[in-house]
Amino acid sequence: MSLWRWHRSCRQQHARWRSCPWLLHAAGLALVASIVAGCGGLPAGPAAGVVSVPSPNHNARRPNFVILHDTTSSTVEHALKTLTDPARQVSSHYLIGRDGTLYQLVDEDRRAWHAGASHWGGNTDLNSASIGIELDNTGVEPYPEAQIVRLLQLLQELRERYRIPAGNVIGHGDIAPGRKVDPSRHFPWQRLAAEGFGLWCREQPPDPELAPVDPLLALQAIGYDVADPAAAVTAFRRHFLGIDLAGETNLAERQLMRCLLLEKRRKPAP
């Protein structure tokens, strides 16, 4: 094409743009589209082929359990080092020292790595549904008063924030029987229950006139994973009787299970 013809074509095209603004707009969009198409590294949006229609009908998820642990460490410094070591891949939301000092390691709206493979009442991902609290304790010693007092204060704060049901304050050994044994038999579960945290039989002793229940069905209804029956029974005894003992359940223990089931049924959410 000669220079004169090219110049005349450009003038005619320019006149078309001015008389039809939508052509200019369309051309601009086409240019942008061609540029984007040539940039394979640019994100295409939330997901290819997905129509985004945001809804206002949602809210933040909240934890529904509190899981208590022992650090099995001799010092709080050692526990903190373990819980913050990227190579160990273990953490908790809180750690309470023997002197009652409260350490926060993970924000409550984040998923800490404290429960591991676990099961409680049909829940199999307790990390995603719980707040994890580590107690600085070797696992063979009593729990200091200052530590328990601070724990009760923290539990009260968590209950006010999230309305966690009383029966959903449980131990690592409860959700992972056979794999974990913490908190130890020294832990004051009855004291926590008196303050409204955790399941406990308030009939002392359980009514002997009540028929005993099938132990495995009862343990499962309480929340335990009974895939390993012996481990579930041992975890139950550690929590509710303060003993580490395997073996067949006796009549008194089966009556206790029945009492706990009745208590669980009547216990309202806070």
Protein backbone atom coordinates (compact mmCIF):
# COMPACT_ATOMS: atom_id res chain seq x y z
CA MET A 1 0.00 0.00 0.00
CA SER A 2 1.32 3.48 -0.91
CA LEU A 3 1.93 6.04 1.79
CA TRP A 4 -0.95 8.22 0.51
CA ARG A 5 -3.44 5.35 0.55
CA TRP A 6 -2.32 4.31 4.00
CA HIS A 7 -2.77 7.86 5.30
CA ARG A 8 -6.29 8.12 3.77
CA SER A 9 -7.24 4.76 5.29
CA CYS A 10 -6.09 5.91 8.69
CA ARG A 11 -8.14 9.13 8.44
CA GLN A 12 -11.23 7.17 7.43
CA GLN A 13 -10.73 4.72 10.28
CA HIS A 14 -10.27 7.58 12.73
CA ALA A 15 -13.56 9.10 11.57
CA ARG A 16 -15.31 5.78 12.18
CA TRP A 17 -14.01 5.65 15.79
CA ARG A 18 -15.30 9.19 16.46
CA SER A 19 -18.72 8.51 14.95
CA CYS A 20 -19.11 5.14 16.72
CA PRO A 21 -17.59 5.35 20.22
CA TRP A 22 -18.67 1.79 20.98
CA LEU A 23 -16.24 0.58 18.32
CA LEU A 24 -13.41 2.28 20.16
CA HIS A 25 -14.53 0.68 23.43
CA ALA A 26 -14.79 -2.75 21.80
CA ALA A 27 -11.38 -2.37 20.25
CA GLY A 28 -9.92 -1.45 23.61
CA LEU A 29 -11.44 -4.53 25.22
CA ALA A 30 -10.12 -6.69 22.42
CA LEU A 31 -6.65 -5.23 22.89
CA VAL A 32 -6.72 -5.90 26.63
CA ALA A 33 -7.99 -9.43 26.04
CA SER A 34 -5.21 -10.13 23.56
CA ILE A 35 -2.60 -8.85 26.02
CA VAL A 36 -3.98 -10.93 28.89
CA ALA A 37 -4.21 -14.00 26.68
CA GLY A 38 -0.55 -13.65 25.90
CA CYS A 39 0.40 -13.47 29.58
CA GLY A 40 0.03 -17.05 30.71
CA GLY A 41 1.38 -16.25 34.17
CA LEU A 42 -1.47 -13.97 35.19
CA PRO A 43 -4.15 -15.46 37.49
CA ALA A 44 -7.51 -16.16 35.87
CA GLY A 45 -9.59 -15.48 39.01
CA PRO A 46 -10.81 -17.71 41.84
CA ALA A 47 -10.93 -20.77 39.57
CA ALA A 48 -11.30 -21.34 35.87
CA GLY A 49 -14.89 -21.90 34.85
CA VAL A 50 -16.33 -20.81 38.19
CA VAL A 51 -18.99 -18.11 38.43
CA SER A 52 -18.36 -16.09 41.59
CA VAL A 53 -21.59 -15.07 43.35
CA PRO A 54 -20.61 -13.93 46.87
CA SER A 55 -23.19 -14.48 49.61
CA PRO A 56 -23.39 -12.53 52.87
CA ASN A 57 -24.72 -15.62 54.67
CA HIS A 58 -21.62 -16.84 56.52
CA ASN A 59 -19.64 -16.24 59.68
CA ALA A 60 -16.43 -17.29 61.33
CA ARG A 61 -16.09 -20.90 62.41
CA ARG A 62 -15.58 -21.42 66.13
CA PRO A 63 -13.87 -24.19 68.10
CA ASN A 64 -16.19 -26.66 69.77
CA PHE A 65 -13.69 -28.61 71.90
CA VAL A 66 -10.82 -27.98 74.29
CA ILE A 67 -8.11 -30.65 74.35
CA LEU A 68 -5.78 -30.80 77.36
CA HIS A 69 -2.23 -32.14 77.13
CA ASP A 70 0.91 -32.76 79.19
CA THR A 71 4.18 -31.51 77.76
CA THR A 72 6.16 -34.39 79.37
CA SER A 73 8.98 -31.84 79.66
CA SER A 74 11.06 -31.03 82.70
CA THR A 75 11.09 -27.28 82.01
CA VAL A 76 8.78 -24.82 80.31
CA GLU A 77 11.71 -23.59 78.21
CA HIS A 78 12.14 -27.05 76.73
CA ALA A 79 8.41 -27.29 76.03
CA LEU A 80 8.40 -23.90 74.28
CA LYS A 81 11.36 -24.94 72.15
CA THR A 82 9.57 -28.11 71.08
CA LEU A 83 6.26 -26.39 70.35
CA THR A 84 7.91 -23.70 68.20
CA ASP A 85 10.36 -25.91 66.29
CA PRO A 86 9.33 -26.09 62.59
CA ALA A 87 10.99 -29.47 62.26
CA ARG A 88 8.83 -31.00 65.00
CA GLN A 89 5.53 -29.92 63.40
CA VAL A 90 3.71 -29.84 66.73
CA SER A 91 2.09 -26.88 68.46
CA SER A 92 -0.76 -25.81 70.69
CA HIS A 93 -2.72 -22.63 71.15
CA TYR A 94 -1.65 -22.23 74.78
CA LEU A 95 0.95 -23.50 77.22
CA ILE A 96 0.56 -23.06 80.98
CA GLY A 97 3.71 -23.22 83.09
CA ARG A 98 3.95 -24.76 86.52
CA ASP A 99 3.90 -21.27 88.04
CA GLY A 100 0.69 -20.35 86.19
CA THR A 101 2.33 -18.30 83.44
CA LEU A 102 0.19 -18.44 80.31
CA TYR A 103 1.90 -18.53 76.91
CA GLN A 104 -0.01 -18.16 73.65
CA LEU A 105 1.67 -19.84 70.70
CA VAL A 106 -1.05 -19.92 68.03
CA ASP A 107 -4.00 -17.58 67.41
CA GLU A 108 -7.32 -19.11 68.37
CA ASP A 109 -8.67 -18.73 64.83
CA ARG A 110 -5.79 -20.81 63.46
CA ARG A 111 -5.44 -24.60 63.40
CA ALA A 112 -2.73 -25.70 65.81
CA TRP A 113 -1.14 -29.15 65.42
CA HIS A 114 -1.75 -30.78 68.78
CA ALA A 115 -4.32 -33.58 68.45
CA GLY A 116 -2.87 -35.70 65.67
CA ALA A 117 -4.75 -38.85 64.68
CA SER A 118 -7.80 -38.61 66.93
CA HIS A 119 -11.44 -39.55 67.33
CA TRP A 120 -14.20 -38.37 69.63
CA GLY A 121 -17.90 -38.91 69.12
CA GLY A 122 -17.60 -39.17 65.35
CA ASN A 123 -15.14 -36.26 65.03
CA THR A 124 -11.93 -37.39 63.36
CA ASP A 125 -10.15 -34.06 62.83
CA LEU A 126 -9.97 -32.58 66.30
CA ASN A 127 -7.22 -30.16 65.27
CA SER A 128 -9.76 -28.30 63.12
CA ALA A 129 -12.42 -28.17 65.84
CA SER A 130 -10.52 -27.49 69.04
CA ILE A 131 -8.32 -25.29 71.18
CA GLY A 132 -5.22 -27.12 72.39
CA ILE A 133 -3.82 -26.38 75.85
CA GLU A 134 -0.49 -27.84 76.99
CA LEU A 135 0.24 -28.13 80.71
CA ASP A 136 3.92 -28.12 81.61
CA ASN A 137 4.13 -31.46 83.39
CA THR A 138 6.33 -34.53 83.21
CA GLY A 139 3.32 -36.83 83.21
CA VAL A 140 4.17 -38.42 86.57
CA GLU A 141 3.82 -35.45 88.92
CA PRO A 142 0.85 -33.65 90.50
CA TYR A 143 -0.35 -30.45 88.86
CA PRO A 144 0.56 -27.29 90.84
CA GLU A 145 -2.27 -25.17 92.21
CA ALA A 146 -1.17 -22.06 90.29
CA GLN A 147 -1.31 -24.00 87.04
CA ILE A 148 -4.82 -25.35 87.65
CA VAL A 149 -6.12 -21.94 88.75
CA ARG A 150 -4.82 -20.37 85.53
CA LEU A 151 -6.28 -23.22 83.50
CA LEU A 152 -9.72 -22.66 85.03
CA GLN A 153 -9.49 -18.96 84.23
CA LEU A 154 -8.58 -19.71 80.61
CA LEU A 155 -11.38 -22.25 80.27
CA GLN A 156 -13.85 -19.67 81.55
CA GLU A 157 -12.63 -17.16 78.97
CA LEU A 158 -12.90 -19.71 76.17
CA ARG A 159 -16.40 -20.71 77.26
CA GLU A 160 -17.52 -17.08 77.18
CA ARG A 161 -16.03 -16.57 73.72
CA TYR A 162 -17.14 -19.78 72.03
CA ARG A 163 -19.86 -21.38 74.19
CA ILE A 164 -18.00 -24.67 74.22
CA PRO A 165 -20.19 -27.41 75.77
CA ALA A 166 -19.04 -28.53 79.20
CA GLY A 167 -18.62 -32.13 78.10
CA ASN A 168 -16.29 -31.12 75.27
CA VAL A 169 -13.37 -30.36 77.58
CA ILE A 170 -11.40 -33.60 77.24
CA GLY A 171 -7.88 -34.98 77.29
CA HIS A 172 -5.47 -36.09 74.61
CA GLY A 173 -5.65 -39.59 76.01
CA ASP A 174 -9.43 -39.57 75.55
CA ILE A 175 -9.28 -38.78 71.84
CA ALA A 176 -6.29 -41.04 71.09
CA PRO A 177 -6.56 -44.06 73.41
CA GLY A 178 -3.62 -46.42 73.14
CA ARG A 179 -1.48 -43.70 71.54
CA LYS A 180 -1.59 -40.97 74.17
CA VAL A 181 -1.95 -41.04 77.96
CA ASP A 182 -2.14 -37.37 78.85
CA PRO A 183 -3.21 -35.70 81.00
CA SER A 184 -2.01 -38.25 83.52
CA ARG A 185 -4.02 -39.96 86.25
CA HIS A 186 -3.02 -37.10 88.58
CA PHE A 187 -5.12 -34.57 86.67
CA PRO A 188 -8.05 -33.15 88.73
CA TRP A 189 -10.93 -33.85 86.35
CA GLN A 190 -13.46 -33.84 89.19
CA ARG A 191 -12.40 -30.35 90.22
CA LEU A 192 -12.79 -29.09 86.66
CA ALA A 193 -16.24 -30.66 86.45
CA ALA A 194 -17.25 -28.90 89.66
CA GLU A 195 -16.45 -25.63 87.86
CA GLY A 196 -18.49 -26.67 84.82
CA PHE A 197 -15.77 -28.12 82.58
CA GLY A 198 -15.90 -31.75 81.58
CA LEU A 199 -18.22 -34.69 82.10
CA TRP A 200 -18.55 -36.22 85.57
CA CYS A 201 -20.96 -38.48 87.42
CA ARG A 202 -22.61 -36.48 90.18
CA GLU A 203 -24.40 -39.46 91.74
CA GLN A 204 -22.21 -40.80 94.53
CA PRO A 205 -22.25 -43.73 94.25
CA PRO A 206 -24.22 -44.60 91.10
CA ASP A 207 -27.60 -46.10 91.86
CA PRO A 208 -27.04 -49.88 92.23
CA GLU A 209 -30.63 -50.50 91.16
CA LEU A 210 -29.88 -49.26 87.65
CA ALA A 211 -29.08 -51.99 85.18
CA PRO A 212 -25.47 -51.86 83.93
CA VAL A 213 -24.81 -51.11 80.28
CA ASP A 214 -22.77 -52.82 77.61
CA PRO A 215 -19.31 -51.31 78.24
CA LEU A 216 -18.24 -50.85 74.62
CA LEU A 217 -21.55 -49.35 73.57
CA ALA A 218 -21.42 -47.03 76.58
CA LEU A 219 -17.84 -45.94 75.89
CA GLN A 220 -18.73 -45.25 72.27
CA ALA A 221 -21.76 -43.21 73.32
CA ILE A 222 -19.60 -41.18 75.71
CA GLY A 223 -17.28 -40.41 72.80
CA TYR A 224 -14.43 -42.93 72.87
CA ASP A 225 -13.07 -44.73 69.85
CA VAL A 226 -13.59 -48.42 70.68
CA ALA A 227 -11.63 -49.85 67.74
CA ASP A 228 -9.16 -50.97 70.42
CA PRO A 229 -11.47 -51.95 73.29
CA ALA A 230 -8.70 -52.43 75.85
CA ALA A 231 -7.22 -49.01 75.11
CA ALA A 232 -10.64 -47.35 75.37
CA VAL A 233 -11.28 -48.97 78.78
CA THR A 234 -7.86 -47.88 80.05
CA ALA A 235 -8.42 -44.30 78.87
CA PHE A 236 -11.82 -44.27 80.58
CA ARG A 237 -10.33 -45.45 83.88
CA ARG A 238 -7.52 -42.91 83.73
CA HIS A 239 -9.98 -40.05 83.24
CA PHE A 240 -12.83 -41.03 85.55
CA LEU A 241 -11.15 -43.23 88.17
CA GLY A 242 -7.60 -41.90 88.23
CA ILE A 243 -6.00 -45.29 87.58
CA ASP A 244 -3.95 -46.75 84.73
CA LEU A 245 -5.33 -50.26 84.53
CA ALA A 246 -6.27 -52.61 81.71
CA GLY A 247 -8.64 -55.55 81.88
CA GLU A 248 -12.34 -56.34 81.92
CA THR A 249 -14.74 -53.81 83.41
CA ASN A 250 -16.55 -54.61 86.63
CA LEU A 251 -20.13 -53.92 87.67
CA ALA A 252 -19.31 -50.63 89.42
CA GLU A 253 -17.51 -49.33 86.34
CA ARG A 254 -20.41 -50.22 84.07
CA GLN A 255 -22.79 -48.44 86.43
CA LEU A 256 -20.47 -45.43 86.31
CA MET A 257 -20.67 -45.48 82.52
CA ARG A 258 -24.45 -45.45 82.73
CA CYS A 259 -24.33 -42.50 85.12
CA LEU A 260 -22.06 -40.60 82.73
CA LEU A 261 -24.44 -41.22 79.85
CA LEU A 262 -27.34 -39.85 81.87
CA GLU A 263 -25.23 -36.85 82.87
CA LYS A 264 -24.22 -36.23 79.27
CA ARG A 265 -27.85 -36.34 78.18
CA ARG A 266 -29.00 -33.79 80.73
CA LYS A 267 -26.03 -31.42 80.56
CA PRO A 268 -27.03 -28.33 78.54
CA ALA A 269 -24.64 -26.24 76.51
CA PRO A 270 -23.45 -23.15 78.45
